[in-house]
Every structure is written in C-alpha cells, then in structure tokens.
Amino acid sequence: MTEPTTVLVVEDDPNIVDLLRSNLAVRGYRVIVSTTGADAVQLLTDERPDVALIDLTLPAADGLDLCRSFRERSAIGLIVVSARGREDDKVRALNLGADDYLTKPFGIEELLARINATLRRSRPQPTTATDAPLRIGDLVIDLGAERVELAGNLVRLTPTEFALLREFVLNPGKLLTHAVLLRRVWGPGYATETEYTRVYVRRLRSKLEAADGPPLIQTEPRQGYRFVGVIAPTDNESGGVEPAH
C-alpha cells in the first residue's frame, strides 16, 4: 500500500490547525502538527514529512528561522502560510528556501492547489532530453538523475530550483518570460508572482555561476530570462553524486 503524503503544519492558531487537519485528513493526507514551533525541526527529522506549512509568527520560534533550518536539513516542499502579506516578507521567505507563500485568510482549495503544485515539483519529471549529462564548462547537469555538479562537487538544489534549471537547459537561447516560467514551474495560478522568478533565478546564479566566469542566465529587462550557457552532451560519469532531492 502506498504511504500517505505527510504534511507538517507549524501553526499556533487552533482554528486554523483544525481547518487544515480536517480538510487534509479527509483527502487522505497524514497530518502532524507543531503548535509552538519549538519541536518543528525534531518533527522534520523524525516524521520525514513531504511538505511543511509554516506560519511566520509562532510562540517559541521565528518562522523565517524555521524556513532556513528546514532548508538546511531537507529538500521537502516549504509553504509559508502567514498573515504577514508585505512583499518584503514574501521575498525574505523565498530567499530562505520557501517554495511558496500564501497570505491569510486563504481558501482551502487554493491551499490544496499549492500543496499539489509543490509536491509535483518534488517528484521526478519525465524529460525528452538526451540520456547523457549536459556540460556547461565546469557545470554538469544530469536531468534524468536530477543531479548537478560544479567543478566535481555536488550542488544541492531544491526541487523548485531544479525544476527552474530544467526549463532553462531544455530551452537554451530562448527568451522565457516571467509568465512562462511561472506557469511551467509553479503552476497556472502564479502568473503575477514575478518575485518568485526573480528570487529563484538569483538563487540559481549564486549556486551555479562562478564569480569570475561567464553568466549562465541572462536577464531580459521587463520580460524574463534567457539561458546563454553553451551546452554540450558528455558521457562522463562521476561517482558518489547524490540526487538533488
């Protein structure tokens, strides 16, 4: 029997906890709850959830610190669910590794759609690309195995980061607008969330581009981005590389 998808809810409002627990459980999700945030990291380690819903304002923890701690330990889906709706709060959460940000009050159907979108990105995706890894200078990308190496060292990418990288390397030289990237990576309901692409492109650049090397991703002002790295297939295999997630 397939194990149920596990959702870790880090939320101190009992009404919201009850709402989430009942609506997720009836749809077959396994739900675990941290009401203070103090035990959230331990629950992440012990319960190995598939996705976490994190409030930013908690009695015994800071939600942004939890985003950082979770991301340092795991590549699970992270969705911030918070009453703090300012853009700088959203950007900070995304910079710390959150995959999505939903402002309270929210509709349960919208939350479920975002959970499903986050889970979709965390699962292996089919590709029509060559089976051979792709090389761009010192960077080697294996789309099938979802692994990335830079100068022989493993680069750890979150599922969302890898999904974005996949779109770029499968469309070299093409202009990919914010709307196209948002639809393909996050889903059809994200067309106006341009800060998502800006933050995640910045995260990819920081992990994949050498400070003194040529750029891989070119910004097209007010439009989107273009992958300008020169891609070549390679038959080289490196041992011991772990999956990206």
Protein backbone atom coordinates (compact mmCIF):
# COMPACT_ATOMS: atom_id res chain seq x y z
CA MET A 1 0.00 0.00 0.00
CA THR A 2 1.26 3.48 -0.88
CA GLU A 3 2.29 5.55 2.11
CA PRO A 4 0.08 8.63 2.57
CA THR A 5 1.55 12.03 1.85
CA THR A 6 2.59 13.62 5.15
CA VAL A 7 2.03 17.32 5.84
CA LEU A 8 3.72 19.04 8.77
CA VAL A 9 1.63 22.01 9.97
CA VAL A 10 3.54 24.58 12.06
CA GLU A 11 0.75 26.85 13.29
CA ASP A 12 -0.37 28.17 16.69
CA ASP A 13 -3.94 29.22 15.83
CA PRO A 14 -6.17 26.28 16.90
CA ASN A 15 -8.92 27.25 14.45
CA ILE A 16 -6.53 27.14 11.51
CA VAL A 17 -4.98 23.90 12.79
CA ASP A 18 -8.45 22.30 12.96
CA LEU A 19 -9.32 23.61 9.48
CA LEU A 20 -6.14 22.24 7.97
CA ARG A 21 -6.21 18.94 9.81
CA SER A 22 -9.81 18.13 8.89
CA ASN A 23 -9.56 19.19 5.24
CA LEU A 24 -6.24 17.45 4.65
CA ALA A 25 -7.16 14.26 6.51
CA VAL A 26 -10.40 13.79 4.58
CA ARG A 27 -8.37 13.93 1.37
CA GLY A 28 -6.03 11.20 2.53
CA TYR A 29 -3.13 13.24 3.88
CA ARG A 30 -1.36 12.32 7.10
CA VAL A 31 -1.13 15.47 9.24
CA ILE A 32 1.32 16.19 12.06
CA VAL A 33 1.24 19.46 13.98
CA SER A 34 3.63 21.72 15.86
CA THR A 35 1.67 24.44 17.65
CA THR A 36 4.67 26.38 19.02
CA GLY A 37 7.46 25.76 16.52
CA ALA A 38 9.79 24.56 19.26
CA ASP A 39 9.58 20.92 18.16
CA ALA A 40 9.21 21.58 14.44
CA VAL A 41 12.79 20.68 13.46
CA GLN A 42 12.63 17.49 15.50
CA LEU A 43 9.36 16.53 13.80
CA LEU A 44 11.00 17.18 10.44
CA THR A 45 13.76 14.72 11.36
CA ASP A 46 11.56 12.08 12.99
CA GLU A 47 8.49 12.14 10.75
CA ARG A 48 10.08 12.96 7.38
CA PRO A 49 7.09 14.91 6.00
CA ASP A 50 6.64 15.54 2.29
CA VAL A 51 5.61 19.17 2.69
CA ALA A 52 5.51 21.70 5.53
CA LEU A 53 3.11 24.61 6.09
CA ILE A 54 4.84 27.22 8.25
CA ASP A 55 3.38 30.26 9.96
CA LEU A 56 5.84 33.11 10.50
CA THR A 57 4.61 34.25 13.90
CA LEU A 58 4.91 31.47 16.48
CA PRO A 59 5.13 31.37 20.29
CA ALA A 60 8.51 29.63 20.53
CA ALA A 61 10.16 30.11 17.14
CA ASP A 62 10.55 32.51 14.26
CA GLY A 63 9.01 31.18 11.06
CA LEU A 64 11.78 32.62 8.88
CA ASP A 65 14.41 30.90 11.04
CA LEU A 66 12.45 27.67 10.64
CA CYS A 67 12.48 28.08 6.85
CA ARG A 68 16.26 28.37 6.98
CA SER A 69 16.63 25.41 9.35
CA PHE A 70 14.29 23.21 7.32
CA ARG A 71 16.04 24.04 4.06
CA GLU A 72 19.46 23.30 5.55
CA ARG A 73 18.23 19.83 6.52
CA SER A 74 15.80 18.85 3.78
CA ALA A 75 14.53 19.49 0.26
CA ILE A 76 10.86 18.98 1.19
CA GLY A 77 8.25 21.43 -0.05
CA LEU A 78 8.02 24.53 2.15
CA ILE A 79 4.92 26.72 2.00
CA VAL A 80 4.68 29.76 4.25
CA VAL A 81 1.11 30.49 5.37
CA SER A 82 1.06 33.83 7.14
CA ALA A 83 -0.99 36.93 7.85
CA ARG A 84 2.10 39.00 7.00
CA GLY A 85 1.37 39.99 3.43
CA ARG A 86 4.10 42.52 2.71
CA GLU A 87 6.25 41.83 -0.32
CA ASP A 88 9.48 42.05 1.68
CA ASP A 89 8.24 39.26 4.00
CA LYS A 90 7.49 37.11 0.96
CA VAL A 91 10.88 37.80 -0.63
CA ARG A 92 12.72 37.03 2.62
CA ALA A 93 10.88 33.71 2.96
CA LEU A 94 11.63 32.77 -0.66
CA ASN A 95 15.28 33.75 -0.21
CA LEU A 96 15.47 31.42 2.78
CA GLY A 97 14.19 28.49 0.74
CA ALA A 98 10.39 28.63 0.84
CA ASP A 99 8.79 27.26 -2.32
CA ASP A 100 5.58 29.24 -1.97
CA TYR A 101 3.91 31.92 0.16
CA LEU A 102 0.19 32.10 0.90
CA THR A 103 -1.33 35.03 2.76
CA LYS A 104 -4.08 34.59 5.36
CA PRO A 105 -7.03 34.49 5.09
CA PHE A 106 -6.92 31.83 2.40
CA GLY A 107 -9.32 29.45 0.71
CA ILE A 108 -8.77 25.77 1.37
CA GLU A 109 -8.97 24.94 -2.35
CA GLU A 110 -6.21 27.41 -3.12
CA LEU A 111 -4.04 25.90 -0.38
CA LEU A 112 -4.67 22.38 -1.69
CA ALA A 113 -3.72 23.50 -5.20
CA ARG A 114 -0.46 24.96 -3.90
CA ILE A 115 0.34 21.81 -1.93
CA ASN A 116 -0.24 19.72 -5.06
CA ALA A 117 1.93 22.04 -7.14
CA THR A 118 4.74 21.85 -4.60
CA LEU A 119 4.52 18.06 -4.44
CA ARG A 120 4.55 17.85 -8.23
CA ARG A 121 7.86 19.71 -8.36
CA SER A 122 9.36 17.37 -5.76
CA ARG A 123 8.70 14.25 -7.87
CA PRO A 124 10.86 13.12 -10.78
CA GLN A 125 9.72 14.65 -14.05
CA PRO A 126 9.89 12.99 -17.49
CA THR A 127 12.25 14.58 -19.97
CA THR A 128 12.83 14.25 -23.69
CA ALA A 129 16.43 15.33 -23.30
CA THR A 130 19.36 13.09 -24.14
CA ASP A 131 20.24 10.48 -21.54
CA ALA A 132 23.79 11.83 -21.38
CA PRO A 133 24.54 14.51 -18.78
CA LEU A 134 24.92 18.04 -20.12
CA ARG A 135 28.11 20.01 -19.62
CA ILE A 136 28.42 23.79 -19.49
CA GLY A 137 32.04 24.49 -18.64
CA ASP A 138 32.66 23.01 -15.19
CA LEU A 139 28.93 22.51 -14.63
CA VAL A 140 27.44 19.06 -15.28
CA ILE A 141 23.65 18.59 -15.23
CA ASP A 142 22.03 15.16 -15.29
CA LEU A 143 18.33 15.76 -15.91
CA GLY A 144 17.35 12.11 -15.65
CA ALA A 145 19.04 11.55 -12.28
CA GLU A 146 18.30 15.12 -11.12
CA ARG A 147 21.86 15.78 -10.06
CA VAL A 148 24.16 18.72 -10.57
CA GLU A 149 27.92 19.03 -10.15
CA LEU A 150 30.11 22.12 -10.33
CA ALA A 151 33.86 21.52 -10.71
CA GLY A 152 33.32 17.96 -9.49
CA ASN A 153 31.39 18.96 -6.38
CA LEU A 154 27.74 18.18 -5.73
CA VAL A 155 25.41 21.17 -5.91
CA ARG A 156 22.37 20.72 -3.73
CA LEU A 157 19.25 22.13 -5.38
CA THR A 158 15.72 22.14 -4.04
CA PRO A 159 13.04 20.59 -6.25
CA THR A 160 11.86 24.06 -7.28
CA GLU A 161 15.39 25.19 -8.13
CA PHE A 162 15.92 22.06 -10.22
CA ALA A 163 12.57 22.47 -11.99
CA LEU A 164 13.56 26.01 -12.95
CA LEU A 165 17.00 24.87 -14.13
CA ARG A 166 15.33 22.15 -16.20
CA GLU A 167 13.27 24.75 -18.07
CA PHE A 168 16.37 26.76 -18.85
CA VAL A 169 18.57 23.91 -20.12
CA LEU A 170 15.74 22.44 -22.21
CA ASN A 171 15.24 25.83 -23.88
CA PRO A 172 18.76 27.19 -24.46
CA GLY A 173 18.93 30.64 -26.00
CA LYS A 174 15.17 31.15 -25.92
CA LEU A 175 13.51 34.05 -24.14
CA LEU A 176 11.49 32.60 -21.26
CA THR A 177 9.15 35.25 -19.91
CA HIS A 178 8.23 35.52 -16.25
CA ALA A 179 4.74 34.28 -17.09
CA VAL A 180 6.02 31.23 -18.96
CA LEU A 181 8.42 30.24 -16.17
CA LEU A 182 5.79 30.77 -13.50
CA ARG A 183 3.27 28.64 -15.35
CA ARG A 184 5.70 25.83 -16.14
CA VAL A 185 7.49 25.66 -12.79
CA TRP A 186 4.93 26.82 -10.22
CA GLY A 187 1.62 26.32 -12.00
CA PRO A 188 -1.20 28.17 -13.77
CA GLY A 189 -2.21 30.26 -10.74
CA TYR A 190 1.10 32.11 -10.38
CA ALA A 191 1.21 34.34 -13.46
CA THR A 192 1.62 37.58 -11.48
CA GLU A 193 4.12 36.32 -8.88
CA THR A 194 7.19 37.73 -10.66
CA GLU A 195 9.13 37.95 -7.40
CA TYR A 196 9.20 34.14 -7.40
CA THR A 197 11.21 34.02 -10.64
CA ARG A 198 13.48 36.87 -9.57
CA VAL A 199 14.33 35.23 -6.25
CA TYR A 200 14.82 31.75 -7.68
CA VAL A 201 16.92 32.91 -10.63
CA ARG A 202 19.10 34.73 -8.11
CA ARG A 203 19.38 31.50 -6.08
CA LEU A 204 20.41 29.52 -9.17
CA ARG A 205 23.01 32.11 -10.12
CA SER A 206 24.51 32.06 -6.64
CA LYS A 207 24.86 28.27 -6.76
CA LEU A 208 25.87 27.71 -10.39
CA GLU A 209 27.70 30.78 -11.71
CA ALA A 210 31.33 31.39 -10.81
CA ALA A 211 32.05 34.93 -9.65
CA ASP A 212 34.71 35.39 -12.36
CA GLY A 213 33.04 33.25 -15.01
CA PRO A 214 30.56 33.94 -17.81
CA PRO A 215 26.88 34.21 -16.92
CA LEU A 216 24.58 31.25 -17.48
CA ILE A 217 21.30 33.14 -17.21
CA GLN A 218 20.82 36.48 -18.93
CA THR A 219 18.18 38.92 -17.73
CA GLU A 220 15.94 40.45 -20.37
CA PRO A 221 14.64 43.60 -18.66
CA ARG A 222 10.87 43.69 -18.07
CA GLN A 223 10.50 40.41 -19.97
CA GLY A 224 12.22 37.44 -18.39
CA TYR A 225 15.39 35.40 -18.81
CA ARG A 226 17.48 33.58 -21.40
CA PHE A 227 19.82 30.64 -20.76
CA VAL A 228 23.08 31.57 -22.51
CA GLY A 229 25.38 28.81 -21.29
CA VAL A 230 26.93 26.73 -24.08
CA ILE A 231 25.62 23.20 -23.59
CA ALA A 232 27.39 20.05 -24.74
CA PRO A 233 26.49 16.43 -24.01
CA THR A 234 29.05 14.41 -22.10
CA ASP A 235 29.49 10.74 -21.39
CA ASN A 236 31.49 11.43 -18.25
CA GLU A 237 30.12 9.84 -15.12
CA SER A 238 31.11 10.81 -11.63
CA GLY A 239 30.69 8.53 -8.70
CA GLY A 240 29.05 9.35 -5.43
CA VAL A 241 26.82 12.17 -6.61
CA GLU A 242 23.64 12.28 -4.61
CA PRO A 243 20.22 13.14 -6.06
CA ALA A 244 19.23 16.81 -5.99
CA HIS A 245 16.38 15.93 -3.63
